[in-house]
PDB file of N, CA and C in Angstrom:
ATOM      1  N   MET A   1     -34.388 104.969 -69.861  1.00  0.00           N
ATOM      2  CA  MET A   1     -33.983 105.629 -71.101  1.00  0.00           C
ATOM      3  C   MET A   1     -34.505 104.883 -72.309  1.00  0.00           C
ATOM      4  N   LYS A   2     -34.512 103.531 -72.216  1.00  0.00           N
ATOM      5  CA  LYS A   2     -34.986 102.733 -73.326  1.00  0.00           C
ATOM      6  C   LYS A   2     -36.455 103.019 -73.576  1.00  0.00           C
ATOM      7  N   ASP A   3     -37.290 103.141 -72.519  1.00  0.00           N
ATOM      8  CA  ASP A   3     -38.710 103.418 -72.687  1.00  0.00           C
ATOM      9  C   ASP A   3     -38.916 104.806 -73.320  1.00  0.00           C
ATOM     10  N   GLN A   4     -38.120 105.783 -72.931  1.00  0.00           N
ATOM     11  CA  GLN A   4     -38.226 107.114 -73.515  1.00  0.00           C
ATOM     12  C   GLN A   4     -37.900 107.059 -75.012  1.00  0.00           C
ATOM     13  N   TYR A   5     -36.851 106.349 -75.377  1.00  0.00           N
ATOM     14  CA  TYR A   5     -36.485 106.220 -76.792  1.00  0.00           C
ATOM     15  C   TYR A   5     -37.583 105.494 -77.578  1.00  0.00           C
ATOM     16  N   GLN A   6     -38.154 104.422 -76.992  1.00  0.00           N
ATOM     17  CA  GLN A   6     -39.218 103.690 -77.659  1.00  0.00           C
ATOM     18  C   GLN A   6     -40.429 104.559 -77.871  1.00  0.00           C
ATOM     19  N   GLY A   7     -40.773 105.399 -76.872  1.00  0.00           N
ATOM     20  CA  GLY A   7     -41.887 106.336 -77.009  1.00  0.00           C
ATOM     21  C   GLY A   7     -41.677 107.313 -78.143  1.00  0.00           C
ATOM     22  N   TRP A   8     -40.462 107.845 -78.230  1.00  0.00           N
ATOM     23  CA  TRP A   8     -40.125 108.775 -79.323  1.00  0.00           C
ATOM     24  C   TRP A   8     -40.212 108.081 -80.675  1.00  0.00           C
ATOM     25  N   LEU A   9     -39.697 106.872 -80.720  1.00  0.00           N
ATOM     26  CA  LEU A   9     -39.701 106.100 -81.964  1.00  0.00           C
ATOM     27  C   LEU A   9     -41.131 105.810 -82.413  1.00  0.00           C
ATOM     28  N   ASN A  10     -42.008 105.433 -81.468  1.00  0.00           N
ATOM     29  CA  ASN A  10     -43.422 105.170 -81.791  1.00  0.00           C
ATOM     30  C   ASN A  10     -44.105 106.448 -82.301  1.00  0.00           C
ATOM     31  N   ALA A  11     -43.850 107.581 -81.706  1.00  0.00           N
ATOM     32  CA  ALA A  11     -44.431 108.836 -82.147  1.00  0.00           C
ATOM     33  C   ALA A  11     -43.932 109.223 -83.521  1.00  0.00           C
ATOM     34  N   ALA A  12     -42.666 109.022 -83.780  1.00  0.00           N
ATOM     35  CA  ALA A  12     -42.107 109.345 -85.092  1.00  0.00           C
ATOM     36  C   ALA A  12     -42.686 108.438 -86.174  1.00  0.00           C
ATOM     37  N   THR A  13     -42.838 107.159 -85.856  1.00  0.00           N
ATOM     38  CA  THR A  13     -43.424 106.215 -86.810  1.00  0.00           C
ATOM     39  C   THR A  13     -44.857 106.565 -87.108  1.00  0.00           C
ATOM     40  N   ALA A  14     -45.650 106.919 -86.089  1.00  0.00           N
ATOM     41  CA  ALA A  14     -47.036 107.277 -86.288  1.00  0.00           C
ATOM     42  C   ALA A  14     -47.155 108.550 -87.142  1.00  0.00           C
ATOM     43  N   ALA A  15     -46.319 109.524 -86.892  1.00  0.00           N
ATOM     44  CA  ALA A  15     -46.335 110.744 -87.681  1.00  0.00           C
ATOM     45  C   ALA A  15     -45.983 110.474 -89.137  1.00  0.00           C
ATOM     46  N   GLU A  16     -45.062 109.549 -89.362  1.00  0.00           N
ATOM     47  CA  GLU A  16     -44.646 109.219 -90.707  1.00  0.00           C
ATOM     48  C   GLU A  16     -45.765 108.502 -91.465  1.00  0.00           C
ATOM     49  N   ARG A  17     -46.572 107.747 -90.758  1.00  0.00           N
ATOM     50  CA  ARG A  17     -47.646 106.978 -91.386  1.00  0.00           C
ATOM     51  C   ARG A  17     -48.931 107.801 -91.557  1.00  0.00           C
ATOM     52  N   SER A  18     -49.099 108.853 -90.761  1.00  0.00           N
ATOM     53  CA  SER A  18     -50.348 109.631 -90.861  1.00  0.00           C
ATOM     54  C   SER A  18     -50.324 110.437 -92.151  1.00  0.00           C
ATOM     55  N   PRO A  19     -51.536 110.675 -92.714  1.00  0.00           N
ATOM     56  CA  PRO A  19     -51.587 111.418 -93.976  1.00  0.00           C
ATOM     57  C   PRO A  19     -51.039 112.835 -93.840  1.00  0.00           C
ATOM     58  N   MET A  20     -50.442 113.295 -94.909  1.00  0.00           N
ATOM     59  CA  MET A  20     -49.963 114.674 -94.953  1.00  0.00           C
ATOM     60  C   MET A  20     -50.545 115.299 -96.220  1.00  0.00           C
ATOM     61  N   TRP A  21     -51.329 116.329 -96.040  1.00  0.00           N
ATOM     62  CA  TRP A  21     -51.921 117.035 -97.174  1.00  0.00           C
ATOM     63  C   TRP A  21     -51.052 118.206 -97.531  1.00  0.00           C
ATOM     64  N   LEU A  22     -50.778 118.385 -98.816  1.00  0.00           N
ATOM     65  CA  LEU A  22     -49.950 119.478 -99.317  1.00  0.00           C
ATOM     66  C   LEU A  22     -50.840 120.516 -99.961  1.00  0.00           C
ATOM     67  N   LEU A  23     -50.618 121.772 -99.620  1.00  0.00           N
ATOM     68  CA  LEU A  23     -51.268 122.882-100.310  1.00  0.00           C
ATOM     69  C   LEU A  23     -50.291 123.341-101.363  1.00  0.00           C
ATOM     70  N   LEU A  24     -50.692 123.200-102.630  1.00  0.00           N
ATOM     71  CA  LEU A  24     -49.771 123.464-103.758  1.00  0.00           C
ATOM     72  C   LEU A  24     -50.274 124.616-104.613  1.00  0.00           C
ATOM     73  N   MET A  25     -49.342 125.368-105.155  1.00  0.00           N
ATOM     74  CA  MET A  25     -49.619 126.277-106.258  1.00  0.00           C
ATOM     75  C   MET A  25     -49.075 125.593-107.501  1.00  0.00           C
ATOM     76  N   VAL A  26     -49.937 125.373-108.475  1.00  0.00           N
ATOM     77  CA  VAL A  26     -49.564 124.680-109.690  1.00  0.00           C
ATOM     78  C   VAL A  26     -49.594 125.689-110.836  1.00  0.00           C
ATOM     79  N   LEU A  27     -48.436 125.874-111.475  1.00  0.00           N
ATOM     80  CA  LEU A  27     -48.375 126.762-112.633  1.00  0.00           C
ATOM     81  C   LEU A  27     -48.902 126.031-113.841  1.00  0.00           C
ATOM     82  N   LEU A  28     -49.787 126.676-114.586  1.00  0.00           N
ATOM     83  CA  LEU A  28     -50.399 126.057-115.761  1.00  0.00           C
ATOM     84  C   LEU A  28     -49.575 126.308-117.015  1.00  0.00           C
ATOM     85  N   ASN A  29     -48.670 127.275-116.971  1.00  0.00           N
ATOM     86  CA  ASN A  29     -47.761 127.567-118.087  1.00  0.00           C
ATOM     87  C   ASN A  29     -46.326 127.289-117.651  1.00  0.00           C
ATOM     88  N   VAL A  30     -45.506 126.886-118.585  1.00  0.00           N
ATOM     89  CA  VAL A  30     -44.098 126.648-118.280  1.00  0.00           C
ATOM     90  C   VAL A  30     -43.400 127.978-118.119  1.00  0.00           C
ATOM     91  N   VAL A  31     -42.718 128.121-116.997  1.00  0.00           N
ATOM     92  CA  VAL A  31     -41.936 129.325-116.705  1.00  0.00           C
ATOM     93  C   VAL A  31     -40.499 128.878-116.465  1.00  0.00           C
ATOM     94  N   PRO A  32     -39.567 129.257-117.343  1.00  0.00           N
ATOM     95  CA  PRO A  32     -38.178 128.827-117.150  1.00  0.00           C
ATOM     96  C   PRO A  32     -37.645 129.229-115.769  1.00  0.00           C
ATOM     97  N   GLY A  33     -37.033 128.303-115.094  1.00  0.00           N
ATOM     98  CA  GLY A  33     -36.437 128.574-113.797  1.00  0.00           C
ATOM     99  C   GLY A  33     -37.362 128.349-112.615  1.00  0.00           C
ATOM    100  N   LEU A  34     -38.648 128.105-112.845  1.00  0.00           N
ATOM    101  CA  LEU A  34     -39.607 127.835-111.763  1.00  0.00           C
ATOM    102  C   LEU A  34     -40.142 126.428-111.843  1.00  0.00           C
ATOM    103  N   ASP A  35     -40.289 125.826-110.669  1.00  0.00           N
ATOM    104  CA  ASP A  35     -40.910 124.498-110.624  1.00  0.00           C
ATOM    105  C   ASP A  35     -42.404 124.643-110.913  1.00  0.00           C
ATOM    106  N   LYS A  36     -42.968 123.645-111.584  1.00  0.00           N
ATOM    107  CA  LYS A  36     -44.391 123.671-111.912  1.00  0.00           C
ATOM    108  C   LYS A  36     -45.238 123.629-110.638  1.00  0.00           C
ATOM    109  N   ASN A  37     -44.818 122.846-109.641  1.00  0.00           N
ATOM    110  CA  ASN A  37     -45.539 122.706-108.385  1.00  0.00           C
ATOM    111  C   ASN A  37     -44.711 123.320-107.259  1.00  0.00           C
ATOM    112  N   THR A  38     -45.373 124.163-106.459  1.00  0.00           N
ATOM    113  CA  THR A  38     -44.721 124.737-105.297  1.00  0.00           C
ATOM    114  C   THR A  38     -45.552 124.453-104.048  1.00  0.00           C
ATOM    115  N   VAL A  39     -44.925 123.823-103.051  1.00  0.00           N
ATOM    116  CA  VAL A  39     -45.630 123.540-101.806  1.00  0.00           C
ATOM    117  C   VAL A  39     -45.697 124.825-100.995  1.00  0.00           C
ATOM    118  N   LEU A  40     -46.928 125.228-100.684  1.00  0.00           N
ATOM    119  CA  LEU A  40     -47.145 126.434 -99.883  1.00  0.00           C
ATOM    120  C   LEU A  40     -47.217 126.127 -98.413  1.00  0.00           C
ATOM    121  N   ASN A  41     -47.770 124.923 -98.085  1.00  0.00           N
ATOM    122  CA  ASN A  41     -47.909 124.531 -96.679  1.00  0.00           C
ATOM    123  C   ASN A  41     -48.290 123.061 -96.607  1.00  0.00           C
ATOM    124  N   THR A  42     -48.260 122.499 -95.402  1.00  0.00           N
ATOM    125  CA  THR A  42     -48.676 121.115 -95.185  1.00  0.00           C
ATOM    126  C   THR A  42     -49.734 121.090 -94.067  1.00  0.00           C
ATOM    127  N   PHE A  43     -50.631 120.108 -94.155  1.00  0.00           N
ATOM    128  CA  PHE A  43     -51.708 119.986 -93.179  1.00  0.00           C
ATOM    129  C   PHE A  43     -51.914 118.509 -92.836  1.00  0.00           C
ATOM    130  N   ALA A  44     -52.466 118.288 -91.629  1.00  0.00           N
ATOM    131  CA  ALA A  44     -52.744 116.915 -91.191  1.00  0.00           C
ATOM    132  C   ALA A  44     -54.043 116.370 -91.790  1.00  0.00           C
ATOM    133  N   THR A  45     -54.970 117.256 -92.137  1.00  0.00           N
ATOM    134  CA  THR A  45     -56.246 116.772 -92.658  1.00  0.00           C
ATOM    135  C   THR A  45     -56.614 117.504 -93.965  1.00  0.00           C
ATOM    136  N   ALA A  46     -57.452 116.865 -94.749  1.00  0.00           N
ATOM    137  CA  ALA A  46     -57.925 117.464 -95.998  1.00  0.00           C
ATOM    138  C   ALA A  46     -58.761 118.702 -95.694  1.00  0.00           C
ATOM    139  N   GLU A  47     -59.536 118.649 -94.630  1.00  0.00           N
ATOM    140  CA  GLU A  47     -60.386 119.799 -94.280  1.00  0.00           C
ATOM    141  C   GLU A  47     -59.557 121.053 -93.965  1.00  0.00           C
ATOM    142  N   GLU A  48     -58.492 120.892 -93.184  1.00  0.00           N
ATOM    143  CA  GLU A  48     -57.606 122.037 -92.893  1.00  0.00           C
ATOM    144  C   GLU A  48     -57.010 122.597 -94.160  1.00  0.00           C
ATOM    145  N   CYS A  49     -56.586 121.727 -95.052  1.00  0.00           N
ATOM    146  CA  CYS A  49     -55.984 122.149 -96.310  1.00  0.00           C
ATOM    147  C   CYS A  49     -57.018 122.899 -97.155  1.00  0.00           C
ATOM    148  N   GLN A  50     -58.223 122.360 -97.234  1.00  0.00           N
ATOM    149  CA  GLN A  50     -59.268 122.999 -98.044  1.00  0.00           C
ATOM    150  C   GLN A  50     -59.626 124.384 -97.542  1.00  0.00           C
ATOM    151  N   ILE A  51     -59.694 124.573 -96.239  1.00  0.00           N
ATOM    152  CA  ILE A  51     -59.994 125.887 -95.667  1.00  0.00           C
ATOM    153  C   ILE A  51     -58.945 126.902 -96.105  1.00  0.00           C
ATOM    154  N   GLU A  52     -57.673 126.513 -95.998  1.00  0.00           N
ATOM    155  CA  GLU A  52     -56.589 127.421 -96.410  1.00  0.00           C
ATOM    156  C   GLU A  52     -56.583 127.643 -97.907  1.00  0.00           C
ATOM    157  N   ARG A  53     -56.871 126.584 -98.699  1.00  0.00           N
ATOM    158  CA  ARG A  53     -56.951 126.727-100.160  1.00  0.00           C
ATOM    159  C   ARG A  53     -58.019 127.743-100.531  1.00  0.00           C
ATOM    160  N   ASN A  54     -59.168 127.677 -99.900  1.00  0.00           N
ATOM    161  CA  ASN A  54     -60.237 128.619-100.163  1.00  0.00           C
ATOM    162  C   ASN A  54     -59.824 130.041 -99.820  1.00  0.00           C
ATOM    163  N   ARG A  55     -59.167 130.204 -98.675  1.00  0.00           N
ATOM    164  CA  ARG A  55     -58.754 131.540 -98.232  1.00  0.00           C
ATOM    165  C   ARG A  55     -57.740 132.138 -99.217  1.00  0.00           C
ATOM    166  N   ILE A  56     -56.753 131.353 -99.585  1.00  0.00           N
ATOM    167  CA  ILE A  56     -55.729 131.821-100.526  1.00  0.00           C
ATOM    168  C   ILE A  56     -56.326 132.050-101.911  1.00  0.00           C
ATOM    169  N   GLY A  57     -57.210 131.174-102.335  1.00  0.00           N
ATOM    170  CA  GLY A  57     -57.850 131.329-103.645  1.00  0.00           C
ATOM    171  C   GLY A  57     -58.600 132.632-103.774  1.00  0.00           C
ATOM    172  N   VAL A  58     -59.351 133.002-102.740  1.00  0.00           N
ATOM    173  CA  VAL A  58     -60.098 134.260-102.734  1.00  0.00           C
ATOM    174  C   VAL A  58     -59.139 135.448-102.738  1.00  0.00           C
ATOM    175  N   ALA A  59     -58.105 135.382-101.912  1.00  0.00           N
ATOM    176  CA  ALA A  59     -57.146 136.496-101.844  1.00  0.00           C
ATOM    177  C   ALA A  59     -56.396 136.684-103.166  1.00  0.00           C
ATOM    178  N   MET A  60     -56.019 135.575-103.797  1.00  0.00           N
ATOM    179  CA  MET A  60     -55.317 135.673-105.082  1.00  0.00           C
ATOM    180  C   MET A  60     -56.233 136.196-106.185  1.00  0.00           C
ATOM    181  N   ALA A  61     -57.499 135.769-106.178  1.00  0.00           N
ATOM    182  CA  ALA A  61     -58.447 136.221-107.193  1.00  0.00           C
ATOM    183  C   ALA A  61     -58.683 137.734-107.068  1.00  0.00           C
ATOM    184  N   GLU A  62     -58.723 138.219-105.813  1.00  0.00           N
ATOM    185  CA  GLU A  62     -58.877 139.659-105.603  1.00  0.00           C
ATOM    186  C   GLU A  62     -57.652 140.443-106.001  1.00  0.00           C
ATOM    187  N   ALA A  63     -56.484 139.882-105.695  1.00  0.00           N
ATOM    188  CA  ALA A  63     -55.223 140.587-105.967  1.00  0.00           C
ATOM    189  C   ALA A  63     -54.846 140.521-107.454  1.00  0.00           C
ATOM    190  N   TYR A  64     -55.166 139.432-108.116  1.00  0.00           N
ATOM    191  CA  TYR A  64     -54.805 139.228-109.515  1.00  0.00           C
ATOM    192  C   TYR A  64     -56.005 138.750-110.326  1.00  0.00           C
ATOM    193  N   PRO A  65     -56.984 139.645-110.552  1.00  0.00           N
ATOM    194  CA  PRO A  65     -58.242 139.237-111.154  1.00  0.00           C
ATOM    195  C   PRO A  65     -58.108 138.728-112.593  1.00  0.00           C
ATOM    196  N   TYR A  66     -57.057 139.068-113.306  1.00  0.00           N
ATOM    197  CA  TYR A  66     -56.941 138.648-114.718  1.00  0.00           C
ATOM    198  C   TYR A  66     -55.899 137.559-114.894  1.00  0.00           C
ATOM    199  N   GLU A  67     -55.305 137.045-113.833  1.00  0.00           N
ATOM    200  CA  GLU A  67     -54.326 135.986-113.927  1.00  0.00           C
ATOM    201  C   GLU A  67     -55.004 134.635-113.822  1.00  0.00           C
ATOM    202  N   ARG A  68     -54.816 133.807-114.812  1.00  0.00           N
ATOM    203  CA  ARG A  68     -55.392 132.479-114.842  1.00  0.00           C
ATOM    204  C   ARG A  68     -54.347 131.426-115.180  1.00  0.00           C
ATOM    205  N   ASP A  69     -53.092 131.699-114.776  1.00  0.00           N
ATOM    206  CA  ASP A  69     -52.022 130.775-115.130  1.00  0.00           C
ATOM    207  C   ASP A  69     -51.529 129.931-113.958  1.00  0.00           C
ATOM    208  N   PHE A  70     -52.360 129.827-112.904  1.00  0.00           N
ATOM    209  CA  PHE A  70     -52.029 128.983-111.756  1.00  0.00           C
ATOM    210  C   PHE A  70     -53.329 128.528-111.087  1.00  0.00           C
ATOM    211  N   VAL A  71     -53.211 127.454-110.339  1.00  0.00           N
ATOM    212  CA  VAL A  71     -54.311 127.002-109.482  1.00  0.00           C
ATOM    213  C   VAL A  71     -53.726 126.652-108.104  1.00  0.00           C
ATOM    214  N   ILE A  72     -54.547 126.778-107.090  1.00  0.00           N
ATOM    215  CA  ILE A  72     -54.196 126.397-105.743  1.00  0.00           C
ATOM    216  C   ILE A  72     -54.964 125.116-105.416  1.00  0.00           C
ATOM    217  N   VAL A  73     -54.256 124.029-105.045  1.00  0.00           N
ATOM    218  CA  VAL A  73     -54.899 122.737-104.837  1.00  0.00           C
ATOM    219  C   VAL A  73     -54.383 122.070-103.566  1.00  0.00           C
ATOM    220  N   CYS A  74     -55.186 121.152-103.050  1.00  0.00           N
ATOM    221  CA  CYS A  74     -54.789 120.269-101.968  1.00  0.00           C
ATOM    222  C   CYS A  74     -54.544 118.904-102.554  1.00  0.00           C
ATOM    223  N   GLN A  75     -53.462 118.291-102.111  1.00  0.00           N
ATOM    224  CA  GLN A  75     -53.118 116.942-102.619  1.00  0.00           C
ATOM    225  C   GLN A  75     -52.514 116.130-101.513  1.00  0.00           C
ATOM    226  N   LEU A  76     -52.930 114.877-101.436  1.00  0.00           N
ATOM    227  CA  LEU A  76     -52.340 113.963-100.472  1.00  0.00           C
ATOM    228  C   LEU A  76     -50.907 113.655-100.874  1.00  0.00           C
ATOM    229  N   SER A  77     -49.987 113.788 -99.960  1.00  0.00           N
ATOM    230  CA  SER A  77     -48.578 113.528-100.253  1.00  0.00           C
ATOM    231  C   SER A  77     -48.412 112.081-100.731  1.00  0.00           C
ATOM    232  N   SER A  78     -47.667 111.897-101.783  1.00  0.00           N
ATOM    233  CA  SER A  78     -47.428 110.529-102.304  1.00  0.00           C
ATOM    234  C   SER A  78     -46.623 109.687-101.324  1.00  0.00           C
ATOM    235  N   ARG A  79     -45.930 110.291-100.420  1.00  0.00           N
ATOM    236  CA  ARG A  79     -45.166 109.563 -99.399  1.00  0.00           C
ATOM    237  C   ARG A  79     -46.061 108.952 -98.345  1.00  0.00           C
ATOM    238  N   HIS A  80     -47.326 109.434 -98.273  1.00  0.00           N
ATOM    239  CA  HIS A  80     -48.212 109.051 -97.171  1.00  0.00           C
ATOM    240  C   HIS A  80     -49.437 108.331 -97.639  1.00  0.00           C
ATOM    241  N   GLY A  81     -49.353 107.580 -98.691  1.00  0.00           N
ATOM    242  CA  GLY A  81     -50.494 106.770 -99.110  1.00  0.00           C
ATOM    243  C   GLY A  81     -51.224 107.325-100.307  1.00  0.00           C
ATOM    244  N   ALA A  82     -52.360 106.709-100.630  1.00  0.00           N
ATOM    245  CA  ALA A  82     -53.262 107.053-101.735  1.00  0.00           C
ATOM    246  C   ALA A  82     -52.638 106.979-103.085  1.00  0.00           C
TER     247      ALA A  82
END
């Protein structure tokens, strides 16, 4: 049982230390009642985040061609380094 617990603890510690990339929607204008930054998803790598950012960016540009009050960005979580 002790070995099983130690294995779980090691996996949890490794996951906590590995980078976590956040896909964010950042509002460029202040909107009462809304947070400026909204986490849309999390990813293990910058590449995965960038692929999804590009996909969402294209879809949003097509759906809202005249809206320029937000950006979709990837950012390394401050809890995980950098």
